[in-house]
PDB file of N, CA and C in Angstrom:
ATOM      1  N   MET A   1     -25.228  21.623  51.490  1.00  0.00           N
ATOM      2  CA  MET A   1     -25.822  22.113  53.258  1.00  0.00           C
ATOM      3  C   MET A   1     -24.417  22.386  53.820  1.00  0.00           C
ATOM      4  N   ASP A   2     -24.341  23.068  54.734  1.00  0.00           N
ATOM      5  CA  ASP A   2     -22.972  23.648  55.296  1.00  0.00           C
ATOM      6  C   ASP A   2     -23.691  23.031  56.924  1.00  0.00           C
ATOM      7  N   THR A   3     -22.408  22.694  57.504  1.00  0.00           N
ATOM      8  CA  THR A   3     -22.335  21.966  58.844  1.00  0.00           C
ATOM      9  C   THR A   3     -21.272  22.609  59.718  1.00  0.00           C
ATOM     10  N   ILE A   4     -21.615  23.019  60.815  1.00  0.00           N
ATOM     11  CA  ILE A   4     -20.715  23.258  61.854  1.00  0.00           C
ATOM     12  C   ILE A   4     -20.483  22.438  62.906  1.00  0.00           C
ATOM     13  N   ILE A   5     -19.349  22.061  63.464  1.00  0.00           N
ATOM     14  CA  ILE A   5     -19.078  21.285  64.095  1.00  0.00           C
ATOM     15  C   ILE A   5     -18.313  22.402  65.149  1.00  0.00           C
ATOM     16  N   SER A   6     -18.740  22.071  66.458  1.00  0.00           N
ATOM     17  CA  SER A   6     -18.243  22.789  67.268  1.00  0.00           C
ATOM     18  C   SER A   6     -16.979  22.004  68.155  1.00  0.00           C
ATOM     19  N   PRO A   7     -16.234  22.648  68.835  1.00  0.00           N
ATOM     20  CA  PRO A   7     -14.678  22.058  69.229  1.00  0.00           C
ATOM     21  C   PRO A   7     -15.086  21.615  70.163  1.00  0.00           C
ATOM     22  N   ARG A   8     -15.982  21.829  71.036  1.00  0.00           N
ATOM     23  CA  ARG A   8     -16.810  21.094  71.991  1.00  0.00           C
ATOM     24  C   ARG A   8     -17.101  19.288  71.625  1.00  0.00           C
ATOM     25  N   LEU A   9     -18.223  19.289  70.805  1.00  0.00           N
ATOM     26  CA  LEU A   9     -18.656  18.291  70.378  1.00  0.00           C
ATOM     27  C   LEU A   9     -17.216  17.489  69.699  1.00  0.00           C
ATOM     28  N   ILE A  10     -16.733  17.662  68.949  1.00  0.00           N
ATOM     29  CA  ILE A  10     -15.301  17.193  68.638  1.00  0.00           C
ATOM     30  C   ILE A  10     -14.287  16.539  69.863  1.00  0.00           C
ATOM     31  N   SER A  11     -14.180  17.689  71.138  1.00  0.00           N
ATOM     32  CA  SER A  11     -13.597  17.232  72.407  1.00  0.00           C
ATOM     33  C   SER A  11     -14.739  15.694  72.649  1.00  0.00           C
ATOM     34  N   MET A  12     -15.725  16.044  72.729  1.00  0.00           N
ATOM     35  CA  MET A  12     -16.339  14.970  73.962  1.00  0.00           C
ATOM     36  C   MET A  12     -16.595  13.524  72.667  1.00  0.00           C
ATOM     37  N   LEU A  13     -16.934  13.519  71.686  1.00  0.00           N
ATOM     38  CA  LEU A  13     -16.577  12.481  70.670  1.00  0.00           C
ATOM     39  C   LEU A  13     -15.063  11.555  70.921  1.00  0.00           C
ATOM     40  N   LEU A  14     -13.973  12.604  70.876  1.00  0.00           N
ATOM     41  CA  LEU A  14     -12.697  11.850  71.088  1.00  0.00           C
ATOM     42  C   LEU A  14     -12.712  11.276  72.350  1.00  0.00           C
ATOM     43  N   CYS A  15     -13.065  12.106  73.447  1.00  0.00           N
ATOM     44  CA  CYS A  15     -13.494  11.409  74.340  1.00  0.00           C
ATOM     45  C   CYS A  15     -13.656  10.060  75.082  1.00  0.00           C
ATOM     46  N   GLN A  16     -15.084  10.059  74.302  1.00  0.00           N
ATOM     47  CA  GLN A  16     -15.975   8.808  74.346  1.00  0.00           C
ATOM     48  C   GLN A  16     -14.666   7.680  73.348  1.00  0.00           C
ATOM     49  N   ILE A  17     -14.217   8.152  72.270  1.00  0.00           N
ATOM     50  CA  ILE A  17     -13.424   6.918  71.591  1.00  0.00           C
ATOM     51  C   ILE A  17     -12.333   6.532  72.277  1.00  0.00           C
ATOM     52  N   SER A  18     -11.944   7.839  73.471  1.00  0.00           N
ATOM     53  CA  SER A  18     -10.486   7.172  73.744  1.00  0.00           C
ATOM     54  C   SER A  18     -10.986   5.992  74.935  1.00  0.00           C
ATOM     55  N   GLN A  19     -12.025   6.119  75.616  1.00  0.00           N
ATOM     56  CA  GLN A  19     -12.609   5.068  76.298  1.00  0.00           C
ATOM     57  C   GLN A  19     -13.352   3.635  75.896  1.00  0.00           C
ATOM     58  N   GLN A  20     -14.134   3.678  74.791  1.00  0.00           N
ATOM     59  CA  GLN A  20     -14.310   3.093  74.436  1.00  0.00           C
ATOM     60  C   GLN A  20     -14.160   3.021  72.585  1.00  0.00           C
ATOM     61  N   LEU A  21     -13.209   2.280  71.741  1.00  0.00           N
ATOM     62  CA  LEU A  21     -12.885   2.294  70.894  1.00  0.00           C
ATOM     63  C   LEU A  21     -13.478   1.841  69.808  1.00  0.00           C
ATOM     64  N   MET A  22     -14.809   0.773  70.247  1.00  0.00           N
ATOM     65  CA  MET A  22     -16.103   0.334  69.375  1.00  0.00           C
ATOM     66  C   MET A  22     -16.769   1.881  69.043  1.00  0.00           C
ATOM     67  N   LEU A  23     -16.712   2.750  69.698  1.00  0.00           N
ATOM     68  CA  LEU A  23     -17.580   4.047  69.189  1.00  0.00           C
ATOM     69  C   LEU A  23     -17.176   4.313  67.994  1.00  0.00           C
ATOM     70  N   GLU A  24     -15.822   4.519  67.374  1.00  0.00           N
ATOM     71  CA  GLU A  24     -15.205   4.995  66.707  1.00  0.00           C
ATOM     72  C   GLU A  24     -16.101   4.756  65.351  1.00  0.00           C
ATOM     73  N   ARG A  25     -16.313   3.612  64.894  1.00  0.00           N
ATOM     74  CA  ARG A  25     -16.925   2.861  63.863  1.00  0.00           C
ATOM     75  C   ARG A  25     -18.172   3.624  63.670  1.00  0.00           C
ATOM     76  N   ILE A  26     -18.974   3.426  65.016  1.00  0.00           N
ATOM     77  CA  ILE A  26     -20.214   4.051  65.321  1.00  0.00           C
ATOM     78  C   ILE A  26     -20.062   5.438  64.758  1.00  0.00           C
ATOM     79  N   TYR A  27     -19.232   6.465  65.148  1.00  0.00           N
ATOM     80  CA  TYR A  27     -19.249   7.950  64.703  1.00  0.00           C
ATOM     81  C   TYR A  27     -18.901   8.033  63.360  1.00  0.00           C
ATOM     82  N   ALA A  28     -18.042   7.275  62.904  1.00  0.00           N
ATOM     83  CA  ALA A  28     -17.176   7.258  61.335  1.00  0.00           C
ATOM     84  C   ALA A  28     -18.381   7.157  60.461  1.00  0.00           C
ATOM     85  N   ASP A  29     -19.959   6.081  61.005  1.00  0.00           N
ATOM     86  CA  ASP A  29     -20.521   6.284  60.220  1.00  0.00           C
ATOM     87  C   ASP A  29     -21.620   7.495  60.100  1.00  0.00           C
ATOM     88  N   LEU A  30     -22.006   7.673  61.291  1.00  0.00           N
ATOM     89  CA  LEU A  30     -22.337   8.987  61.411  1.00  0.00           C
ATOM     90  C   LEU A  30     -22.122  10.482  61.203  1.00  0.00           C
ATOM     91  N   MET A  31     -20.889  10.311  60.882  1.00  0.00           N
ATOM     92  CA  MET A  31     -20.279  11.389  60.170  1.00  0.00           C
ATOM     93  C   MET A  31     -19.963  11.617  58.709  1.00  0.00           C
ATOM     94  N   ASN A  32     -19.806  10.441  58.461  1.00  0.00           N
ATOM     95  CA  ASN A  32     -20.145  10.194  56.603  1.00  0.00           C
ATOM     96  C   ASN A  32     -20.690  10.969  56.090  1.00  0.00           C
ATOM     97  N   SER A  33     -20.937  11.556  54.883  1.00  0.00           N
ATOM     98  CA  SER A  33     -21.259  12.190  54.107  1.00  0.00           C
ATOM     99  C   SER A  33     -22.349  11.582  53.346  1.00  0.00           C
ATOM    100  N   ARG A  34     -22.196  10.015  53.300  1.00  0.00           N
ATOM    101  CA  ARG A  34     -23.114   8.891  52.623  1.00  0.00           C
ATOM    102  C   ARG A  34     -23.743   8.117  53.539  1.00  0.00           C
ATOM    103  N   ALA A  35     -23.481   8.401  54.600  1.00  0.00           N
ATOM    104  CA  ALA A  35     -23.937   7.175  55.515  1.00  0.00           C
ATOM    105  C   ALA A  35     -25.410   8.324  56.398  1.00  0.00           C
ATOM    106  N   ASN A  36     -25.435   7.298  57.562  1.00  0.00           N
ATOM    107  CA  ASN A  36     -26.823   7.595  58.404  1.00  0.00           C
ATOM    108  C   ASN A  36     -27.094   9.283  58.817  1.00  0.00           C
ATOM    109  N   GLU A  37     -28.236   9.930  59.197  1.00  0.00           N
ATOM    110  CA  GLU A  37     -27.829  10.860  59.780  1.00  0.00           C
ATOM    111  C   GLU A  37     -29.485  11.234  60.568  1.00  0.00           C
ATOM    112  N   ILE A  38     -28.820  12.316  61.388  1.00  0.00           N
ATOM    113  CA  ILE A  38     -30.143  12.350  62.695  1.00  0.00           C
ATOM    114  C   ILE A  38     -31.255  13.677  61.671  1.00  0.00           C
ATOM    115  N   TYR A  39     -32.517  13.297  61.787  1.00  0.00           N
ATOM    116  CA  TYR A  39     -33.838  13.870  61.591  1.00  0.00           C
ATOM    117  C   TYR A  39     -34.525  13.867  62.283  1.00  0.00           C
ATOM    118  N   LEU A  40     -35.850  14.792  62.570  1.00  0.00           N
ATOM    119  CA  LEU A  40     -36.876  15.275  62.873  1.00  0.00           C
ATOM    120  C   LEU A  40     -37.783  14.645  61.986  1.00  0.00           C
ATOM    121  N   LYS A  41     -39.003  13.825  62.375  1.00  0.00           N
ATOM    122  CA  LYS A  41     -40.131  13.026  61.272  1.00  0.00           C
ATOM    123  C   LYS A  41     -41.048  13.250  62.198  1.00  0.00           C
ATOM    124  N   PRO A  42     -42.239  13.180  61.459  1.00  0.00           N
ATOM    125  CA  PRO A  42     -43.723  13.613  62.004  1.00  0.00           C
ATOM    126  C   PRO A  42     -43.716  12.242  62.783  1.00  0.00           C
ATOM    127  N   VAL A  43     -44.394  12.516  63.877  1.00  0.00           N
ATOM    128  CA  VAL A  43     -44.995  11.345  65.071  1.00  0.00           C
ATOM    129  C   VAL A  43     -45.861  10.543  64.349  1.00  0.00           C
ATOM    130  N   VAL A  44     -46.676  10.756  63.256  1.00  0.00           N
ATOM    131  CA  VAL A  44     -47.771   9.769  63.104  1.00  0.00           C
ATOM    132  C   VAL A  44     -47.058   8.891  61.782  1.00  0.00           C
ATOM    133  N   ARG A  45     -45.778   9.250  61.442  1.00  0.00           N
ATOM    134  CA  ARG A  45     -45.104   7.814  60.394  1.00  0.00           C
ATOM    135  C   ARG A  45     -44.827   6.689  61.406  1.00  0.00           C
ATOM    136  N   TYR A  46     -44.778   6.863  62.439  1.00  0.00           N
ATOM    137  CA  TYR A  46     -44.468   5.641  63.135  1.00  0.00           C
ATOM    138  C   TYR A  46     -46.005   5.342  64.188  1.00  0.00           C
ATOM    139  N   THR A  47     -46.541   6.204  64.613  1.00  0.00           N
ATOM    140  CA  THR A  47     -47.965   5.291  65.415  1.00  0.00           C
ATOM    141  C   THR A  47     -49.238   6.388  64.741  1.00  0.00           C
ATOM    142  N   ARG A  48     -50.110   5.405  64.631  1.00  0.00           N
ATOM    143  CA  ARG A  48     -51.418   5.644  63.968  1.00  0.00           C
ATOM    144  C   ARG A  48     -52.521   6.497  65.200  1.00  0.00           C
ATOM    145  N   THR A  49     -51.774   6.357  66.797  1.00  0.00           N
ATOM    146  CA  THR A  49     -52.566   7.178  67.572  1.00  0.00           C
ATOM    147  C   THR A  49     -51.082   7.300  68.872  1.00  0.00           C
ATOM    148  N   PRO A  50     -50.978   8.646  68.194  1.00  0.00           N
ATOM    149  CA  PRO A  50     -50.147   9.387  69.000  1.00  0.00           C
ATOM    150  C   PRO A  50     -50.517   9.823  70.153  1.00  0.00           C
ATOM    151  N   SER A  51     -51.856  10.353  70.652  1.00  0.00           N
ATOM    152  CA  SER A  51     -52.630  10.382  71.358  1.00  0.00           C
ATOM    153  C   SER A  51     -52.277   9.547  72.706  1.00  0.00           C
ATOM    154  N   ARG A  52     -52.272   8.244  72.738  1.00  0.00           N
ATOM    155  CA  ARG A  52     -52.239   7.386  73.386  1.00  0.00           C
ATOM    156  C   ARG A  52     -50.833   6.220  72.858  1.00  0.00           C
ATOM    157  N   CYS A  53     -50.085   6.510  73.162  1.00  0.00           N
ATOM    158  CA  CYS A  53     -48.725   5.135  72.550  1.00  0.00           C
ATOM    159  C   CYS A  53     -47.866   5.506  73.837  1.00  0.00           C
ATOM    160  N   THR A  54     -46.690   4.506  73.490  1.00  0.00           N
ATOM    161  CA  THR A  54     -45.648   4.732  74.581  1.00  0.00           C
ATOM    162  C   THR A  54     -44.146   4.918  73.626  1.00  0.00           C
ATOM    163  N   PHE A  55     -43.035   4.944  73.859  1.00  0.00           N
ATOM    164  CA  PHE A  55     -41.968   5.407  73.310  1.00  0.00           C
ATOM    165  C   PHE A  55     -41.899   4.175  72.482  1.00  0.00           C
ATOM    166  N   ALA A  56     -41.902   2.853  73.133  1.00  0.00           N
ATOM    167  CA  ALA A  56     -41.832   1.541  72.538  1.00  0.00           C
ATOM    168  C   ALA A  56     -42.109   0.961  71.446  1.00  0.00           C
ATOM    169  N   ASP A  57     -43.647   1.711  71.453  1.00  0.00           N
ATOM    170  CA  ASP A  57     -44.348   1.909  70.246  1.00  0.00           C
ATOM    171  C   ASP A  57     -44.029   2.804  69.186  1.00  0.00           C
ATOM    172  N   ILE A  58     -43.467   3.778  69.228  1.00  0.00           N
ATOM    173  CA  ILE A  58     -42.364   4.550  68.093  1.00  0.00           C
ATOM    174  C   ILE A  58     -41.202   3.649  68.018  1.00  0.00           C
ATOM    175  N   MET A  59     -40.791   3.100  69.031  1.00  0.00           N
ATOM    176  CA  MET A  59     -39.539   2.373  68.451  1.00  0.00           C
ATOM    177  C   MET A  59     -39.353   1.394  67.730  1.00  0.00           C
ATOM    178  N   ARG A  60     -40.907   0.485  67.706  1.00  0.00           N
ATOM    179  CA  ARG A  60     -41.314   0.025  66.623  1.00  0.00           C
ATOM    180  C   ARG A  60     -41.316   0.404  65.411  1.00  0.00           C
ATOM    181  N   GLY A  61     -42.146   1.389  65.224  1.00  0.00           N
ATOM    182  CA  GLY A  61     -42.625   1.855  63.976  1.00  0.00           C
ATOM    183  C   GLY A  61     -41.510   2.587  62.963  1.00  0.00           C
ATOM    184  N   ALA A  62     -40.639   2.794  63.920  1.00  0.00           N
ATOM    185  CA  ALA A  62     -39.259   3.336  63.245  1.00  0.00           C
ATOM    186  C   ALA A  62     -38.222   2.105  62.750  1.00  0.00           C
ATOM    187  N   SER A  63     -38.638   1.226  63.515  1.00  0.00           N
ATOM    188  CA  SER A  63     -38.060  -0.098  63.178  1.00  0.00           C
ATOM    189  C   SER A  63     -38.274  -0.832  61.869  1.00  0.00           C
ATOM    190  N   ALA A  64     -39.630  -0.863  61.912  1.00  0.00           N
ATOM    191  CA  ALA A  64     -40.471  -1.046  60.542  1.00  0.00           C
ATOM    192  C   ALA A  64     -39.922  -0.720  59.201  1.00  0.00           C
ATOM    193  N   VAL A  65     -39.361   0.913  59.402  1.00  0.00           N
ATOM    194  CA  VAL A  65     -39.173   1.698  58.630  1.00  0.00           C
ATOM    195  C   VAL A  65     -37.839   1.965  57.897  1.00  0.00           C
ATOM    196  N   GLY A  66     -36.857   0.759  58.658  1.00  0.00           N
ATOM    197  CA  GLY A  66     -35.411   0.978  58.898  1.00  0.00           C
ATOM    198  C   GLY A  66     -34.905   2.239  59.289  1.00  0.00           C
ATOM    199  N   GLU A  67     -35.097   2.859  60.358  1.00  0.00           N
ATOM    200  CA  GLU A  67     -34.691   3.998  61.228  1.00  0.00           C
ATOM    201  C   GLU A  67     -34.861   3.499  62.678  1.00  0.00           C
ATOM    202  N   VAL A  68     -34.025   4.363  63.021  1.00  0.00           N
ATOM    203  CA  VAL A  68     -33.712   3.903  64.838  1.00  0.00           C
ATOM    204  C   VAL A  68     -34.351   5.303  65.603  1.00  0.00           C
ATOM    205  N   ALA A  69     -35.154   5.186  66.445  1.00  0.00           N
ATOM    206  CA  ALA A  69     -36.028   6.565  67.172  1.00  0.00           C
ATOM    207  C   ALA A  69     -34.782   6.660  68.347  1.00  0.00           C
ATOM    208  N   ILE A  70     -34.486   7.916  68.913  1.00  0.00           N
ATOM    209  CA  ILE A  70     -34.112   8.111  69.887  1.00  0.00           C
ATOM    210  C   ILE A  70     -34.373   9.164  70.560  1.00  0.00           C
ATOM    211  N   GLY A  71     -35.599   9.830  70.512  1.00  0.00           N
ATOM    212  CA  GLY A  71     -35.950  10.876  70.878  1.00  0.00           C
ATOM    213  C   GLY A  71     -37.238  11.609  70.474  1.00  0.00           C
ATOM    214  N   LEU A  72     -37.694  12.388  71.071  1.00  0.00           N
ATOM    215  CA  LEU A  72     -39.104  13.428  70.682  1.00  0.00           C
ATOM    216  C   LEU A  72     -38.753  14.789  71.052  1.00  0.00           C
ATOM    217  N   LYS A  73     -39.505  15.443  69.709  1.00  0.00           N
ATOM    218  CA  LYS A  73     -39.353  16.816  69.928  1.00  0.00           C
ATOM    219  C   LYS A  73     -40.706  17.207  70.146  1.00  0.00           C
ATOM    220  N   ILE A  74     -41.077  17.765  71.359  1.00  0.00           N
ATOM    221  CA  ILE A  74     -42.985  17.991  71.677  1.00  0.00           C
ATOM    222  C   ILE A  74     -42.891  19.618  71.215  1.00  0.00           C
ATOM    223  N   ARG A  75     -43.784  19.965  69.959  1.00  0.00           N
ATOM    224  CA  ARG A  75     -43.856  21.125  70.002  1.00  0.00           C
ATOM    225  C   ARG A  75     -44.303  22.064  70.539  1.00  0.00           C
ATOM    226  N   ALA A  76     -45.353  21.682  71.801  1.00  0.00           N
ATOM    227  CA  ALA A  76     -46.279  22.483  72.583  1.00  0.00           C
ATOM    228  C   ALA A  76     -44.844  23.086  73.435  1.00  0.00           C
ATOM    229  N   LEU A  77     -43.950  22.367  73.615  1.00  0.00           N
ATOM    230  CA  LEU A  77     -42.421  22.949  74.731  1.00  0.00           C
ATOM    231  C   LEU A  77     -41.458  23.522  73.732  1.00  0.00           C
ATOM    232  N   ALA A  78     -41.548  23.704  73.078  1.00  0.00           N
ATOM    233  CA  ALA A  78     -40.338  24.381  72.055  1.00  0.00           C
ATOM    234  C   ALA A  78     -39.683  25.810  72.296  1.00  0.00           C
ATOM    235  N   ALA A  79     -40.679  26.595  73.041  1.00  0.00           N
ATOM    236  CA  ALA A  79     -40.257  27.730  73.237  1.00  0.00           C
ATOM    237  C   ALA A  79     -39.688  27.717  74.733  1.00  0.00           C
ATOM    238  N   GLU A  80     -40.279  26.752  75.337  1.00  0.00           N
ATOM    239  CA  GLU A  80     -39.442  26.941  77.131  1.00  0.00           C
ATOM    240  C   GLU A  80     -38.214  26.204  77.427  1.00  0.00           C
ATOM    241  N   ALA A  81     -37.220  26.861  77.408  1.00  0.00           N
ATOM    242  CA  ALA A  81     -35.991  26.567  77.979  1.00  0.00           C
ATOM    243  C   ALA A  81     -36.078  25.301  79.198  1.00  0.00           C
ATOM    244  N   GLY A  82     -36.744  25.545  79.865  1.00  0.00           N
ATOM    245  CA  GLY A  82     -37.072  24.929  81.048  1.00  0.00           C
ATOM    246  C   GLY A  82     -37.174  22.835  81.080  1.00  0.00           C
ATOM    247  N   ALA A  83     -37.823  23.617  79.366  1.00  0.00           N
ATOM    248  CA  ALA A  83     -38.385  22.090  79.111  1.00  0.00           C
ATOM    249  C   ALA A  83     -37.214  21.433  77.979  1.00  0.00           C
ATOM    250  N   LYS A  84     -36.167  22.183  77.970  1.00  0.00           N
ATOM    251  CA  LYS A  84     -35.549  21.754  77.040  1.00  0.00           C
ATOM    252  C   LYS A  84     -35.860  21.792  75.692  1.00  0.00           C
ATOM    253  N   PHE A  85     -36.528  23.065  75.312  1.00  0.00           N
ATOM    254  CA  PHE A  85     -37.246  23.043  74.120  1.00  0.00           C
ATOM    255  C   PHE A  85     -38.065  22.160  73.650  1.00  0.00           C
ATOM    256  N   GLY A  86     -38.610  21.324  74.368  1.00  0.00           N
ATOM    257  CA  GLY A  86     -39.545  20.092  73.807  1.00  0.00           C
ATOM    258  C   GLY A  86     -38.722  19.161  73.372  1.00  0.00           C
ATOM    259  N   ILE A  87     -37.607  18.851  73.422  1.00  0.00           N
ATOM    260  CA  ILE A  87     -36.624  17.859  73.061  1.00  0.00           C
ATOM    261  C   ILE A  87     -36.523  16.750  74.384  1.00  0.00           C
ATOM    262  N   ARG A  88     -36.579  15.316  74.151  1.00  0.00           N
ATOM    263  CA  ARG A  88     -36.137  14.488  75.116  1.00  0.00           C
ATOM    264  C   ARG A  88     -35.988  13.347  74.279  1.00  0.00           C
ATOM    265  N   LEU A  89     -34.637  12.734  74.712  1.00  0.00           N
ATOM    266  CA  LEU A  89     -33.433  12.192  74.455  1.00  0.00           C
ATOM    267  C   LEU A  89     -33.863  10.750  75.174  1.00  0.00           C
ATOM    268  N   ASN A  90     -34.028   9.413  74.456  1.00  0.00           N
ATOM    269  CA  ASN A  90     -33.921   8.305  75.233  1.00  0.00           C
ATOM    270  C   ASN A  90     -35.080   8.554  76.277  1.00  0.00           C
ATOM    271  N   PRO A  91     -36.619   8.696  76.469  1.00  0.00           N
ATOM    272  CA  PRO A  91     -37.336   8.834  77.048  1.00  0.00           C
ATOM    273  C   PRO A  91     -37.732   7.023  77.388  1.00  0.00           C
ATOM    274  N   ALA A  92     -38.235   7.192  78.739  1.00  0.00           N
ATOM    275  CA  ALA A  92     -38.566   5.846  79.064  1.00  0.00           C
ATOM    276  C   ALA A  92     -39.688   5.025  77.937  1.00  0.00           C
ATOM    277  N   LYS A  93     -39.352   3.979  77.968  1.00  0.00           N
ATOM    278  CA  LYS A  93     -39.609   3.235  76.725  1.00  0.00           C
ATOM    279  C   LYS A  93     -41.236   2.695  76.956  1.00  0.00           C
ATOM    280  N   ASP A  94     -41.874   2.616  78.422  1.00  0.00           N
ATOM    281  CA  ASP A  94     -42.981   1.997  79.004  1.00  0.00           C
ATOM    282  C   ASP A  94     -43.727   3.196  79.203  1.00  0.00           C
ATOM    283  N   GLU A  95     -43.283   4.536  79.317  1.00  0.00           N
ATOM    284  CA  GLU A  95     -43.972   5.577  80.005  1.00  0.00           C
ATOM    285  C   GLU A  95     -45.456   6.105  78.920  1.00  0.00           C
ATOM    286  N   PRO A  96     -46.588   6.139  79.406  1.00  0.00           N
ATOM    287  CA  PRO A  96     -47.620   6.608  78.248  1.00  0.00           C
ATOM    288  C   PRO A  96     -47.410   8.229  78.016  1.00  0.00           C
ATOM    289  N   LEU A  97     -47.894   8.153  76.797  1.00  0.00           N
ATOM    290  CA  LEU A  97     -47.079   9.373  75.868  1.00  0.00           C
ATOM    291  C   LEU A  97     -48.611  10.168  75.672  1.00  0.00           C
ATOM    292  N   ALA A  98     -48.736  11.078  75.477  1.00  0.00           N
ATOM    293  CA  ALA A  98     -49.760  11.686  74.908  1.00  0.00           C
ATOM    294  C   ALA A  98     -49.332  13.081  73.517  1.00  0.00           C
ATOM    295  N   LEU A  99     -48.850  12.577  72.557  1.00  0.00           N
ATOM    296  CA  LEU A  99     -48.476  13.356  71.669  1.00  0.00           C
ATOM    297  C   LEU A  99     -49.597  13.725  71.110  1.00  0.00           C
ATOM    298  N   ALA A 100     -49.154  15.348  70.238  1.00  0.00           N
ATOM    299  CA  ALA A 100     -49.832  15.731  69.677  1.00  0.00           C
ATOM    300  C   ALA A 100     -49.392  15.735  68.168  1.00  0.00           C
ATOM    301  N   GLY A 101     -50.318  15.634  66.773  1.00  0.00           N
ATOM    302  CA  GLY A 101     -49.874  15.109  65.638  1.00  0.00           C
ATOM    303  C   GLY A 101     -48.622  16.041  64.951  1.00  0.00           C
ATOM    304  N   ASP A 102     -48.290  17.357  65.610  1.00  0.00           N
ATOM    305  CA  ASP A 102     -47.230  17.806  64.849  1.00  0.00           C
ATOM    306  C   ASP A 102     -46.124  18.056  65.602  1.00  0.00           C
ATOM    307  N   ASP A 103     -46.071  16.707  66.764  1.00  0.00           N
ATOM    308  CA  ASP A 103     -45.201  16.411  67.258  1.00  0.00           C
ATOM    309  C   ASP A 103     -43.744  15.631  66.306  1.00  0.00           C
ATOM    310  N   GLU A 104     -42.510  15.398  66.748  1.00  0.00           N
ATOM    311  CA  GLU A 104     -41.847  14.875  65.700  1.00  0.00           C
ATOM    312  C   GLU A 104     -41.324  13.690  66.675  1.00  0.00           C
ATOM    313  N   VAL A 105     -40.509  12.826  66.402  1.00  0.00           N
ATOM    314  CA  VAL A 105     -39.922  11.325  66.390  1.00  0.00           C
ATOM    315  C   VAL A 105     -38.400  12.035  65.906  1.00  0.00           C
ATOM    316  N   ILE A 106     -36.813  11.868  66.946  1.00  0.00           N
ATOM    317  CA  ILE A 106     -35.489  12.059  66.836  1.00  0.00           C
ATOM    318  C   ILE A 106     -35.149  11.124  66.234  1.00  0.00           C
ATOM    319  N   VAL A 107     -35.069  10.708  64.872  1.00  0.00           N
ATOM    320  CA  VAL A 107     -34.738   9.320  64.566  1.00  0.00           C
ATOM    321  C   VAL A 107     -33.270   9.387  63.500  1.00  0.00           C
ATOM    322  N   ILE A 108     -32.670   8.279  63.802  1.00  0.00           N
ATOM    323  CA  ILE A 108     -31.222   8.086  62.931  1.00  0.00           C
ATOM    324  C   ILE A 108     -31.559   7.238  61.991  1.00  0.00           C
ATOM    325  N   SER A 109     -31.363   7.902  60.500  1.00  0.00           N
ATOM    326  CA  SER A 109     -32.087   7.535  59.645  1.00  0.00           C
ATOM    327  C   SER A 109     -30.955   7.449  58.190  1.00  0.00           C
ATOM    328  N   GLU A 110     -31.040   6.620  57.298  1.00  0.00           N
ATOM    329  CA  GLU A 110     -30.396   6.946  56.117  1.00  0.00           C
ATOM    330  C   GLU A 110     -30.560   8.063  55.497  1.00  0.00           C
ATOM    331  N   ALA A 111     -28.940   9.083  54.624  1.00  0.00           N
ATOM    332  CA  ALA A 111     -28.916  10.180  54.288  1.00  0.00           C
ATOM    333  C   ALA A 111     -30.344  10.415  53.356  1.00  0.00           C
ATOM    334  N   GLU A 112     -30.840  11.293  53.326  1.00  0.00           N
ATOM    335  CA  GLU A 112     -32.173  11.853  52.509  1.00  0.00           C
ATOM    336  C   GLU A 112     -31.621  12.502  51.056  1.00  0.00           C
ATOM    337  N   GLY A 113     -32.144  12.084  49.753  1.00  0.00           N
ATOM    338  CA  GLY A 113     -31.705  12.464  48.623  1.00  0.00           C
ATOM    339  C   GLY A 113     -29.846  12.436  48.281  1.00  0.00           C
ATOM    340  N   VAL A 114     -29.399  10.749  49.040  1.00  0.00           N
ATOM    341  CA  VAL A 114     -28.224  10.271  48.586  1.00  0.00           C
ATOM    342  C   VAL A 114     -28.413   9.650  47.928  1.00  0.00           C
ATOM    343  N   ASP A 115     -27.905   8.807  46.832  1.00  0.00           N
ATOM    344  CA  ASP A 115     -27.694   7.285  46.632  1.00  0.00           C
ATOM    345  C   ASP A 115     -27.065   7.143  47.256  1.00  0.00           C
ATOM    346  N   PRO A 116     -27.366   5.727  47.867  1.00  0.00           N
ATOM    347  CA  PRO A 116     -25.975   4.313  47.785  1.00  0.00           C
ATOM    348  C   PRO A 116     -25.038   4.515  46.985  1.00  0.00           C
ATOM    349  N   PRO A 117     -24.138   4.153  47.943  1.00  0.00           N
ATOM    350  CA  PRO A 117     -22.993   3.718  47.058  1.00  0.00           C
ATOM    351  C   PRO A 117     -23.334   2.947  46.291  1.00  0.00           C
ATOM    352  N   GLY A 118     -22.609   2.948  44.829  1.00  0.00           N
ATOM    353  CA  GLY A 118     -22.505   1.966  44.160  1.00  0.00           C
ATOM    354  C   GLY A 118     -24.131   1.418  43.429  1.00  0.00           C
ATOM    355  N   SER A 119     -24.808   2.625  43.215  1.00  0.00           N
ATOM    356  CA  SER A 119     -26.073   2.666  42.691  1.00  0.00           C
ATOM    357  C   SER A 119     -26.381   3.004  41.128  1.00  0.00           C
ATOM    358  N   GLY A 120     -25.172   3.710  40.547  1.00  0.00           N
ATOM    359  CA  GLY A 120     -24.165   4.041  39.572  1.00  0.00           C
ATOM    360  C   GLY A 120     -25.182   4.931  38.951  1.00  0.00           C
ATOM    361  N   SER A 121     -25.162   6.289  40.057  1.00  0.00           N
ATOM    362  CA  SER A 121     -26.202   7.563  39.622  1.00  0.00           C
ATOM    363  C   SER A 121     -24.613   8.435  39.932  1.00  0.00           C
ATOM    364  N   VAL A 122     -24.823   9.914  39.191  1.00  0.00           N
ATOM    365  CA  VAL A 122     -23.557  10.444  39.491  1.00  0.00           C
ATOM    366  C   VAL A 122     -24.251  11.808  39.810  1.00  0.00           C
ATOM    367  N   ALA A 123     -23.410  12.563  41.036  1.00  0.00           N
ATOM    368  CA  ALA A 123     -24.058  13.442  41.133  1.00  0.00           C
ATOM    369  C   ALA A 123     -23.615  14.789  40.675  1.00  0.00           C
TER     370      ALA A 123
END
């Protein structure tokens, strides 16, 4: 898998780290090839009632499977630039949501398909 990291992203990360040194460990974990990554996963993985839930409900569902929910991808808005292509980061926790079954949750999760360190497998 190829990864493209823009100079703007690097500049933003360095700026944030210079202001809050504790962020260095967080970014180091996120940028590690064997660490957590950001994924889009189906909303039905986190709630049985996507048409009538809140983001707090989704956060609880993500926590139950060892993930951290940080946002939503609304498929119906995916082509609309004015609606940020359906991406909603850090939505209000208590706002009622009317999600569809094809909507997705943006989560931080362990890397998929990577054996944990010390598992004994050889890549």
